[in-house]
């Protein structure tokens, strides 16, 4: 079922809490945005790094987890 409340002008993961987007990086024609993410809930009890990528800054692809805590 499509989420009618999904943001279209802001980056948003498929679930969980997106927090502290940082480091817009451009490398070899591709843009990267890393962010803190809790994929298990909507609180700050867990954090890992998620990643969005784009080739044009308009259409973003959510890559999921980029760095997991150990």
N, C-alpha and C. Protein backbone atom coordinates (compact mmCIF):
# COMPACT_ATOMS: atom_id res chain seq x y z
N UNK A 1 0.84 -1.18 0.00
CA UNK A 1 0.00 0.00 0.00
C UNK A 1 0.88 1.24 0.00
N UNK A 2 0.58 2.19 -0.84
CA UNK A 2 1.37 3.41 -0.94
C UNK A 2 1.07 4.34 0.24
N UNK A 3 2.11 4.93 0.78
CA UNK A 3 1.97 5.86 1.90
C UNK A 3 1.59 7.24 1.34
N UNK A 4 0.35 7.68 1.55
CA UNK A 4 -0.08 8.97 1.01
C UNK A 4 0.55 10.15 1.73
N UNK A 5 1.19 9.90 2.87
CA UNK A 5 1.83 10.97 3.64
C UNK A 5 3.34 11.04 3.39
N UNK A 6 3.85 10.21 2.51
CA UNK A 6 5.30 10.18 2.25
C UNK A 6 5.76 11.52 1.69
N UNK A 7 6.88 11.99 2.21
CA UNK A 7 7.47 13.24 1.72
C UNK A 7 7.91 13.10 0.28
N UNK A 8 7.69 14.12 -0.52
CA UNK A 8 8.20 14.11 -1.89
C UNK A 8 9.28 15.16 -2.09
N UNK A 9 9.41 16.09 -1.15
CA UNK A 9 10.43 17.13 -1.27
C UNK A 9 11.57 16.95 -0.29
N UNK A 10 11.48 15.98 0.60
CA UNK A 10 12.52 15.73 1.60
C UNK A 10 12.88 14.25 1.57
N UNK A 11 14.12 13.94 1.90
CA UNK A 11 14.56 12.55 1.97
C UNK A 11 13.87 11.86 3.13
N UNK A 12 13.40 10.64 2.88
CA UNK A 12 12.70 9.89 3.91
C UNK A 12 12.92 8.40 3.69
N UNK A 13 13.41 7.68 4.71
CA UNK A 13 13.56 6.23 4.56
C UNK A 13 12.19 5.55 4.56
N UNK A 14 12.17 4.29 4.20
CA UNK A 14 10.91 3.55 4.14
C UNK A 14 10.31 3.31 5.52
N UNK A 15 11.13 3.35 6.56
CA UNK A 15 10.64 3.16 7.93
C UNK A 15 11.66 3.74 8.90
N UNK A 16 11.24 3.91 10.14
CA UNK A 16 12.15 4.33 11.19
C UNK A 16 12.37 5.83 11.26
N UNK A 17 13.39 6.22 12.02
CA UNK A 17 13.70 7.61 12.31
C UNK A 17 14.94 8.04 11.56
N UNK A 18 14.81 9.03 10.69
CA UNK A 18 15.96 9.65 10.04
C UNK A 18 16.39 10.81 10.92
N UNK A 19 17.67 10.89 11.24
CA UNK A 19 18.18 11.93 12.12
C UNK A 19 19.52 12.40 11.59
N UNK A 20 19.78 13.68 11.71
CA UNK A 20 21.09 14.26 11.47
C UNK A 20 21.67 13.95 10.09
N UNK A 21 20.98 14.34 9.00
CA UNK A 21 21.60 14.15 7.68
C UNK A 21 22.86 14.99 7.56
N UNK A 22 23.91 14.41 7.07
CA UNK A 22 25.16 15.13 6.92
C UNK A 22 25.86 14.77 5.64
N UNK A 23 26.84 15.57 5.37
CA UNK A 23 27.83 15.25 4.37
C UNK A 23 27.29 14.97 3.00
N UNK A 24 26.68 15.98 2.38
CA UNK A 24 26.34 15.81 0.97
C UNK A 24 27.65 15.72 0.21
N UNK A 25 27.87 14.60 -0.46
CA UNK A 25 29.12 14.32 -1.16
C UNK A 25 28.83 14.07 -2.63
N UNK A 26 29.66 14.60 -3.51
CA UNK A 26 29.57 14.30 -4.93
C UNK A 26 30.86 13.60 -5.32
N UNK A 27 30.73 12.43 -5.98
CA UNK A 27 31.89 11.65 -6.38
C UNK A 27 31.56 10.92 -7.67
N UNK A 28 32.36 11.12 -8.69
CA UNK A 28 32.17 10.47 -9.99
C UNK A 28 30.75 10.62 -10.55
N UNK A 29 30.21 11.81 -10.45
CA UNK A 29 28.90 12.09 -11.02
C UNK A 29 27.71 11.60 -10.22
N UNK A 30 27.94 11.14 -9.01
CA UNK A 30 26.86 10.65 -8.16
C UNK A 30 26.89 11.42 -6.84
N UNK A 31 25.71 11.72 -6.30
CA UNK A 31 25.58 12.43 -5.03
C UNK A 31 25.21 11.45 -3.93
N UNK A 32 25.75 11.68 -2.74
CA UNK A 32 25.53 10.81 -1.58
C UNK A 32 25.12 11.66 -0.39
N UNK A 33 24.12 11.19 0.36
CA UNK A 33 23.74 11.81 1.63
C UNK A 33 23.69 10.70 2.68
N UNK A 34 24.55 10.81 3.67
CA UNK A 34 24.54 9.88 4.80
C UNK A 34 23.73 10.50 5.93
N UNK A 35 23.15 9.67 6.77
CA UNK A 35 22.35 10.18 7.90
C UNK A 35 22.30 9.13 9.00
N UNK A 36 22.09 9.61 10.23
CA UNK A 36 21.84 8.69 11.33
C UNK A 36 20.43 8.13 11.14
N UNK A 37 20.25 6.88 11.54
CA UNK A 37 18.99 6.19 11.28
C UNK A 37 18.71 5.16 12.35
N UNK A 38 17.47 5.12 12.81
CA UNK A 38 16.99 4.02 13.65
C UNK A 38 15.96 3.28 12.82
N UNK A 39 16.33 2.14 12.26
CA UNK A 39 15.41 1.39 11.40
C UNK A 39 14.41 0.56 12.20
N UNK A 40 14.60 0.51 13.52
CA UNK A 40 13.73 -0.32 14.36
C UNK A 40 12.62 0.45 15.06
N UNK A 41 12.71 1.78 15.08
CA UNK A 41 11.70 2.54 15.81
C UNK A 41 11.79 4.02 15.52
N UNK A 42 10.95 4.78 16.21
CA UNK A 42 10.90 6.22 16.02
C UNK A 42 11.48 6.97 17.21
N UNK A 43 12.49 6.37 17.83
CA UNK A 43 13.16 7.02 18.96
C UNK A 43 14.67 6.96 18.73
N UNK A 44 15.43 7.41 19.71
CA UNK A 44 16.89 7.49 19.58
C UNK A 44 17.61 6.36 20.31
N UNK A 45 16.93 5.23 20.52
CA UNK A 45 17.52 4.13 21.29
C UNK A 45 18.56 3.33 20.50
N UNK A 46 18.60 3.50 19.18
CA UNK A 46 19.53 2.76 18.33
C UNK A 46 19.91 3.67 17.17
N UNK A 47 21.18 3.62 16.74
CA UNK A 47 21.60 4.43 15.59
C UNK A 47 22.56 3.66 14.71
N UNK A 48 22.36 3.81 13.42
CA UNK A 48 23.31 3.37 12.42
C UNK A 48 23.32 4.45 11.34
N UNK A 49 24.12 4.27 10.31
CA UNK A 49 24.18 5.26 9.23
C UNK A 49 23.47 4.71 8.01
N UNK A 50 22.52 5.50 7.48
CA UNK A 50 21.82 5.16 6.25
C UNK A 50 22.36 6.00 5.11
N UNK A 51 21.95 5.68 3.89
CA UNK A 51 22.51 6.34 2.71
C UNK A 51 21.46 6.52 1.62
N UNK A 52 21.39 7.73 1.07
CA UNK A 52 20.63 8.04 -0.14
C UNK A 52 21.63 8.38 -1.24
N UNK A 53 21.30 8.02 -2.50
CA UNK A 53 22.14 8.39 -3.64
C UNK A 53 21.27 8.99 -4.74
N UNK A 54 21.90 9.84 -5.57
CA UNK A 54 21.20 10.47 -6.67
C UNK A 54 22.19 10.81 -7.78
N UNK A 55 21.70 10.84 -8.99
CA UNK A 55 22.54 11.29 -10.10
C UNK A 55 22.17 12.70 -10.55
N UNK A 56 21.05 13.25 -10.03
CA UNK A 56 20.60 14.57 -10.48
C UNK A 56 20.10 15.49 -9.37
N UNK A 57 20.14 15.09 -8.13
CA UNK A 57 19.66 15.83 -6.96
C UNK A 57 18.13 15.99 -6.94
N UNK A 58 17.43 15.38 -7.85
CA UNK A 58 15.96 15.41 -7.85
C UNK A 58 15.36 14.05 -7.54
N UNK A 59 15.97 13.02 -8.06
CA UNK A 59 15.48 11.65 -7.88
C UNK A 59 16.47 10.90 -6.99
N UNK A 60 15.99 10.49 -5.83
CA UNK A 60 16.86 9.86 -4.83
C UNK A 60 16.51 8.39 -4.68
N UNK A 61 17.55 7.59 -4.44
CA UNK A 61 17.38 6.16 -4.20
C UNK A 61 17.85 5.88 -2.79
N UNK A 62 17.02 5.20 -2.00
CA UNK A 62 17.43 4.86 -0.65
C UNK A 62 18.21 3.56 -0.67
N UNK A 63 19.48 3.63 -0.27
CA UNK A 63 20.38 2.47 -0.30
C UNK A 63 20.26 1.61 0.97
N UNK A 64 19.66 2.14 2.04
CA UNK A 64 19.55 1.39 3.29
C UNK A 64 20.75 1.65 4.19
N UNK A 65 21.15 0.63 4.93
CA UNK A 65 22.24 0.76 5.91
C UNK A 65 23.59 0.86 5.22
N UNK A 66 24.36 1.85 5.63
CA UNK A 66 25.71 2.03 5.09
C UNK A 66 26.78 1.62 6.11
N UNK A 67 26.53 1.96 7.38
CA UNK A 67 27.48 1.63 8.46
C UNK A 67 26.67 1.17 9.66
N UNK A 68 26.98 -0.01 10.17
CA UNK A 68 26.31 -0.56 11.34
C UNK A 68 27.19 -0.42 12.57
N UNK A 69 26.60 -0.18 13.75
CA UNK A 69 27.41 -0.11 14.96
C UNK A 69 27.95 -1.49 15.32
N UNK A 70 29.08 -1.52 15.98
CA UNK A 70 29.62 -2.80 16.44
C UNK A 70 29.99 -2.73 17.88
